[in-house]
Amino acid sequence: MIRQGIAILACGVGVALTGCGAQEAEVVKGAFEKDIKSANIEVAIDVQATQGSVGIKLAGPYQSNGKDQLPSADLALQVRGAAPGTISGRLISTGKNAFVEYGGETYEVGEDLVAQMQKSNESSGQLSPNDIRMIMGEMQDWFPSTDTQEDADLDGEPVTRVTGKLDLSKALTDLKELASRPGMSGAQGLEQLSKGDIKDIEKMFSDPKFTLDVGRDDGKLRRIVTSFRIEAGADKGAMEFSMRFKDVDKPVTIDAPATGSGKPIEELGRKLEQDFGGAAAGPEEEIS
């Protein structure tokens, strides 16, 4: 049930935003339809809870390789709170291969495994274009209060800013009904939600809000920020997700290791288990 709730909130970050009022919908729809060819991106997830906090950050150059293709990227990674020490390092993609740098070593996923993962993702029940069209047709009442600021500013760049709140109960109810329709391939399991499940999810993930910035010159996405409160039994807290695109469509440089130069990715799992699986880790572990 928690997984289903998170899936709906994630939907609210992207696809669901297109259910805003007419003006907001036009801005957001255009932003998600326009491809960002390259940028310097920053992604952050912060969870504050009774039992502690967890933060994940990714930052670095990104370059699209076209529809349904793995992008090229060189992203610095930092994870805090999930282990005794802070994990920091790099995730690198060439589009056909991927690498992880950790503890001074380079680990390679391999082109064959990357191709298998991409093929698996294509048939894993993710939202299809037809699913998205069906969802968009049901969203008019999902956002009871949404505003647009056409003269906003983001780090000196003129943007159109859309802000609002998601009616989670309405979204879950509509998606439950949609999931039972023929041809809805990417929402398996949602049709099993009961009214009690929906109430429980709404209690668990409350007050979902979003802010979305779109470049006024090119209509492309610049930033998404979404937040909500979490209450699961005695554990209470809040979560915020943000994604920022800087220097949109400007040239980027991605330096990747040569194919065949890294250790097998399976060795990374054993290394992480050794460092964090049972023994106390040091104050900080470095990747690269």
Protein backbone atom coordinates (compact mmCIF):
# COMPACT_ATOMS: atom_id res chain seq x y z
CA MET A 1 0.00 0.00 0.00
CA ILE A 2 2.89 2.37 0.76
CA ARG A 3 4.36 1.59 -2.68
CA GLN A 4 1.04 2.40 -4.34
CA GLY A 5 0.84 5.72 -2.50
CA ILE A 6 4.36 6.67 -3.52
CA ALA A 7 3.56 5.76 -7.13
CA ILE A 8 0.59 8.13 -7.15
CA LEU A 9 2.63 10.94 -5.62
CA ALA A 10 5.34 10.38 -8.20
CA CYS A 11 2.65 10.60 -10.85
CA GLY A 12 1.71 13.95 -9.33
CA VAL A 13 5.24 15.19 -9.92
CA GLY A 14 5.02 14.71 -13.67
CA VAL A 15 2.03 13.43 -15.55
CA ALA A 16 -0.57 14.48 -13.01
CA LEU A 17 0.45 18.11 -13.20
CA THR A 18 -1.16 18.25 -16.63
CA GLY A 19 -4.52 18.09 -14.90
CA CYS A 20 -4.33 21.72 -13.71
CA GLY A 21 -6.56 24.50 -15.01
CA ALA A 22 -6.44 25.38 -18.70
CA GLN A 23 -3.64 27.94 -18.42
CA GLU A 24 -1.49 25.80 -16.13
CA ALA A 25 -2.15 22.68 -18.19
CA GLU A 26 -0.89 24.33 -21.38
CA VAL A 27 2.35 25.46 -19.69
CA VAL A 28 3.05 22.11 -18.04
CA LYS A 29 2.02 19.95 -20.99
CA GLY A 30 4.37 21.87 -23.25
CA ALA A 31 7.23 21.58 -20.76
CA PHE A 32 6.96 17.79 -20.51
CA GLU A 33 6.61 17.36 -24.27
CA LYS A 34 9.79 19.30 -25.10
CA ASP A 35 13.01 17.32 -24.97
CA ILE A 36 15.92 18.70 -22.95
CA LYS A 37 18.87 17.75 -25.10
CA SER A 38 21.49 18.53 -22.44
CA ALA A 39 21.82 20.26 -19.09
CA ASN A 40 23.52 20.25 -15.74
CA ILE A 41 21.03 18.56 -13.45
CA GLU A 42 20.57 18.43 -9.69
CA VAL A 43 18.27 15.87 -8.09
CA ALA A 44 17.63 15.77 -4.35
CA ILE A 45 15.42 13.67 -2.07
CA ASP A 46 15.19 14.62 1.59
CA VAL A 47 13.22 12.68 4.18
CA GLN A 48 12.85 13.99 7.72
CA ALA A 49 11.29 11.48 10.12
CA THR A 50 11.03 10.70 13.81
CA GLN A 51 13.64 7.97 13.47
CA GLY A 52 16.11 10.16 11.60
CA SER A 53 16.76 11.81 8.25
CA VAL A 54 17.88 10.50 4.87
CA GLY A 55 19.16 12.56 1.97
CA ILE A 56 20.14 11.64 -1.60
CA LYS A 57 21.73 14.07 -4.03
CA LEU A 58 22.81 13.66 -7.66
CA ALA A 59 24.43 16.44 -9.66
CA GLY A 60 26.29 16.73 -12.94
CA PRO A 61 26.06 16.93 -16.75
CA TYR A 62 23.32 15.10 -18.63
CA GLN A 63 22.77 14.51 -22.36
CA SER A 64 19.75 12.92 -24.02
CA ASN A 65 20.35 10.13 -26.51
CA GLY A 66 16.83 10.17 -27.90
CA LYS A 67 13.51 8.55 -27.08
CA ASP A 68 13.66 5.24 -25.16
CA GLN A 69 17.45 5.42 -24.93
CA LEU A 70 19.53 5.60 -21.78
CA PRO A 71 20.92 9.16 -21.46
CA SER A 72 24.60 9.92 -21.05
CA ALA A 73 25.49 11.41 -17.68
CA ASP A 74 28.27 11.93 -15.14
CA LEU A 75 26.60 12.45 -11.79
CA ALA A 76 28.21 13.00 -8.41
CA LEU A 77 26.31 11.01 -5.78
CA GLN A 78 25.92 11.59 -2.05
CA VAL A 79 23.79 9.52 0.32
CA ARG A 80 23.53 10.43 3.98
CA GLY A 81 21.59 8.85 6.79
CA ALA A 82 21.14 5.42 5.16
CA ALA A 83 24.39 4.09 6.67
CA PRO A 84 26.67 5.01 9.58
CA GLY A 85 28.78 7.09 7.23
CA THR A 86 28.08 9.29 4.22
CA ILE A 87 28.40 7.56 0.86
CA SER A 88 29.66 9.78 -1.93
CA GLY A 89 30.80 9.09 -5.47
CA ARG A 90 29.88 8.98 -9.19
CA LEU A 91 27.33 7.35 -11.47
CA ILE A 92 28.36 7.43 -15.14
CA SER A 93 26.41 6.48 -18.25
CA THR A 94 27.49 6.48 -21.89
CA GLY A 95 24.04 5.56 -23.17
CA LYS A 96 25.07 1.97 -23.88
CA ASN A 97 27.12 1.27 -20.76
CA ALA A 98 27.16 2.41 -17.14
CA PHE A 99 29.76 2.68 -14.38
CA VAL A 100 29.85 3.31 -10.64
CA GLU A 101 32.91 4.72 -8.88
CA TYR A 102 33.23 3.84 -5.21
CA GLY A 103 36.13 3.67 -2.78
CA GLY A 104 38.70 4.47 -5.43
CA GLU A 105 37.50 1.66 -7.72
CA THR A 106 35.43 1.66 -10.92
CA TYR A 107 32.67 -0.92 -11.35
CA GLU A 108 31.12 -1.61 -14.75
CA VAL A 109 27.54 -2.66 -15.48
CA GLY A 110 28.39 -3.81 -19.01
CA GLU A 111 26.68 -3.15 -22.34
CA ASP A 112 24.86 -6.51 -22.41
CA LEU A 113 23.30 -6.02 -18.97
CA VAL A 114 22.34 -2.41 -19.76
CA ALA A 115 20.58 -3.60 -22.94
CA GLN A 116 18.75 -6.30 -20.95
CA MET A 117 17.66 -3.76 -18.33
CA GLN A 118 16.32 -1.40 -20.99
CA LYS A 119 14.40 -4.21 -22.66
CA SER A 120 12.99 -5.29 -19.30
CA ASN A 121 11.87 -1.73 -18.51
CA GLU A 122 9.99 -1.53 -21.80
CA SER A 123 7.83 -4.50 -20.79
CA SER A 124 7.61 -3.92 -17.02
CA GLY A 125 4.22 -2.24 -16.94
CA GLN A 126 5.41 1.36 -16.90
CA LEU A 127 2.99 4.06 -17.98
CA SER A 128 2.52 4.02 -21.74
CA PRO A 129 1.46 6.99 -23.91
CA ASN A 130 -2.04 5.50 -24.02
CA ASP A 131 -2.08 5.26 -20.21
CA ILE A 132 -1.05 8.91 -19.96
CA ARG A 133 -3.80 10.03 -22.35
CA MET A 134 -6.39 8.14 -20.30
CA ILE A 135 -5.11 9.65 -17.05
CA MET A 136 -5.06 13.18 -18.45
CA GLY A 137 -8.72 12.88 -19.34
CA GLU A 138 -9.66 12.32 -15.69
CA MET A 139 -7.63 15.03 -13.98
CA GLN A 140 -9.72 18.14 -14.06
CA ASP A 141 -10.72 17.80 -10.38
CA TRP A 142 -7.40 16.65 -8.97
CA PHE A 143 -6.06 20.15 -8.31
CA PRO A 144 -8.52 22.26 -6.29
CA SER A 145 -6.09 25.18 -5.89
CA THR A 146 -3.49 25.89 -8.58
CA ASP A 147 -1.82 29.18 -9.49
CA THR A 148 0.42 30.50 -12.25
CA GLN A 149 2.98 33.27 -11.90
CA GLU A 150 4.07 34.34 -15.38
CA ASP A 151 6.81 36.77 -14.30
CA ALA A 152 8.75 34.56 -11.85
CA ASP A 153 12.54 34.40 -11.63
CA LEU A 154 14.76 31.34 -11.02
CA ASP A 155 18.42 32.15 -10.39
CA GLY A 156 18.15 35.16 -12.70
CA GLU A 157 16.32 33.33 -15.48
CA PRO A 158 12.72 34.34 -16.36
CA VAL A 159 10.31 31.43 -15.78
CA THR A 160 6.61 30.69 -15.59
CA ARG A 161 5.90 29.19 -12.16
CA VAL A 162 3.00 26.80 -11.53
CA THR A 163 2.16 25.93 -7.92
CA GLY A 164 -0.64 23.89 -6.42
CA LYS A 165 -1.95 21.09 -4.25
CA LEU A 166 -3.03 17.59 -5.20
CA ASP A 167 -6.35 16.10 -4.05
CA LEU A 168 -4.88 12.68 -3.34
CA SER A 169 -8.19 10.99 -2.53
CA LYS A 170 -9.73 12.08 -5.84
CA ALA A 171 -6.62 11.02 -7.77
CA LEU A 172 -6.54 7.57 -6.18
CA THR A 173 -10.26 7.03 -6.75
CA ASP A 174 -10.02 7.98 -10.42
CA LEU A 175 -6.87 5.90 -10.98
CA LYS A 176 -8.52 2.88 -9.36
CA GLU A 177 -11.33 3.15 -11.89
CA LEU A 178 -8.92 3.74 -14.79
CA ALA A 179 -6.77 0.74 -13.84
CA SER A 180 -9.71 -1.59 -14.43
CA ARG A 181 -10.23 -0.39 -18.00
CA PRO A 182 -8.93 -2.44 -20.97
CA GLY A 183 -5.67 -1.11 -22.38
CA MET A 184 -4.41 0.48 -19.15
CA SER A 185 -1.05 -1.31 -18.98
CA GLY A 186 0.96 0.67 -16.44
CA ALA A 187 -1.24 0.77 -13.36
CA GLN A 188 -1.50 -2.87 -12.33
CA GLY A 189 -2.61 -3.30 -8.74
CA LEU A 190 -4.39 0.03 -8.43
CA GLU A 191 -7.74 -1.53 -9.26
CA GLN A 192 -7.41 -3.53 -6.02
CA LEU A 193 -7.43 -0.41 -3.85
CA SER A 194 -10.37 -0.36 -1.45
CA LYS A 195 -11.95 2.77 0.02
CA GLY A 196 -10.16 1.91 3.24
CA ASP A 197 -6.82 1.67 1.40
CA ILE A 198 -7.38 5.09 -0.15
CA LYS A 199 -8.16 6.63 3.24
CA ASP A 200 -5.07 5.01 4.76
CA ILE A 201 -2.82 6.28 1.95
CA GLU A 202 -4.31 9.76 2.24
CA LYS A 203 -3.56 9.75 5.97
CA MET A 204 -0.05 8.44 5.39
CA PHE A 205 0.85 10.98 2.66
CA SER A 206 -0.84 14.27 3.44
CA ASP A 207 -0.66 17.85 2.16
CA PRO A 208 1.04 17.09 -1.20
CA LYS A 209 2.25 20.31 -2.86
CA PHE A 210 4.26 21.09 -5.97
CA THR A 211 6.12 23.93 -7.64
CA LEU A 212 7.11 23.73 -11.29
CA ASP A 213 9.22 26.28 -13.21
CA VAL A 214 9.23 26.47 -17.01
CA GLY A 215 11.62 28.64 -19.05
CA ARG A 216 9.73 31.52 -20.63
CA ASP A 217 12.03 31.69 -23.66
CA ASP A 218 11.86 28.03 -24.74
CA GLY A 219 8.98 26.56 -22.70
CA LYS A 220 11.25 23.81 -21.32
CA LEU A 221 11.32 22.47 -17.79
CA ARG A 222 13.70 24.12 -15.34
CA ARG A 223 12.66 22.85 -11.90
CA ILE A 224 10.22 20.57 -10.08
CA VAL A 225 9.79 20.63 -6.31
CA THR A 226 7.21 18.46 -4.58
CA SER A 227 6.66 17.86 -0.88
CA PHE A 228 4.28 16.08 1.45
CA ARG A 229 3.93 15.01 5.06
CA ILE A 230 4.32 11.38 6.10
CA GLU A 231 2.61 9.66 9.01
CA ALA A 232 3.05 5.90 9.41
CA GLY A 233 2.11 4.83 12.91
CA ALA A 234 4.41 6.49 15.42
CA ASP A 235 6.80 7.60 12.68
CA LYS A 236 6.03 11.09 11.41
CA GLY A 237 7.94 13.36 9.09
CA ALA A 238 8.11 15.02 5.71
CA MET A 239 9.59 14.34 2.28
CA GLU A 240 10.75 16.70 -0.45
CA PHE A 241 11.82 15.83 -3.99
CA SER A 242 13.44 18.36 -6.30
CA MET A 243 14.90 18.26 -9.81
CA ARG A 244 16.72 21.26 -11.30
CA PHE A 245 17.92 21.74 -14.89
CA LYS A 246 20.62 24.36 -15.44
CA ASP A 247 22.28 25.49 -18.69
CA VAL A 248 19.53 23.82 -20.70
CA ASP A 249 20.59 22.68 -24.20
CA LYS A 250 24.13 24.02 -23.75
CA PRO A 251 27.07 21.69 -24.56
CA VAL A 252 28.19 19.37 -21.76
CA THR A 253 31.27 17.18 -21.29
CA ILE A 254 30.90 13.64 -20.01
CA ASP A 255 34.09 11.71 -19.32
CA ALA A 256 33.40 7.98 -19.08
CA PRO A 257 35.80 5.09 -18.47
CA ALA A 258 36.61 2.82 -21.39
CA THR A 259 34.43 -0.26 -21.90
CA GLY A 260 36.05 -3.25 -20.20
CA SER A 261 38.11 -1.14 -17.79
CA GLY A 262 35.92 -1.58 -14.70
CA LYS A 263 35.40 -4.40 -12.24
CA PRO A 264 32.17 -6.43 -12.58
CA ILE A 265 29.22 -4.63 -10.99
CA GLU A 266 28.56 -7.68 -8.78
CA GLU A 267 31.75 -6.88 -6.86
CA LEU A 268 30.27 -3.52 -5.87
CA GLY A 269 27.45 -5.27 -4.03
CA ARG A 270 29.93 -7.33 -2.05
CA LYS A 271 32.00 -4.23 -1.27
CA LEU A 272 28.97 -2.30 0.01
CA GLU A 273 27.90 -5.26 2.15
CA GLN A 274 31.40 -5.43 3.57
CA ASP A 275 31.46 -1.71 4.37
CA PHE A 276 27.90 -1.23 5.61
CA GLY A 277 26.29 -4.63 6.03
CA GLY A 278 27.22 -5.25 9.63
CA ALA A 279 30.37 -3.55 10.76
CA ALA A 280 30.31 0.07 11.79
CA ALA A 281 31.54 2.27 8.98
CA GLY A 282 33.88 5.17 9.33
CA PRO A 283 32.67 8.79 9.40
CA GLU A 284 32.72 8.99 5.62
CA GLU A 285 33.17 6.69 2.65
CA GLU A 286 34.24 8.12 -0.69
CA ILE A 287 33.25 6.84 -4.12
CA SER A 288 36.11 7.73 -6.48
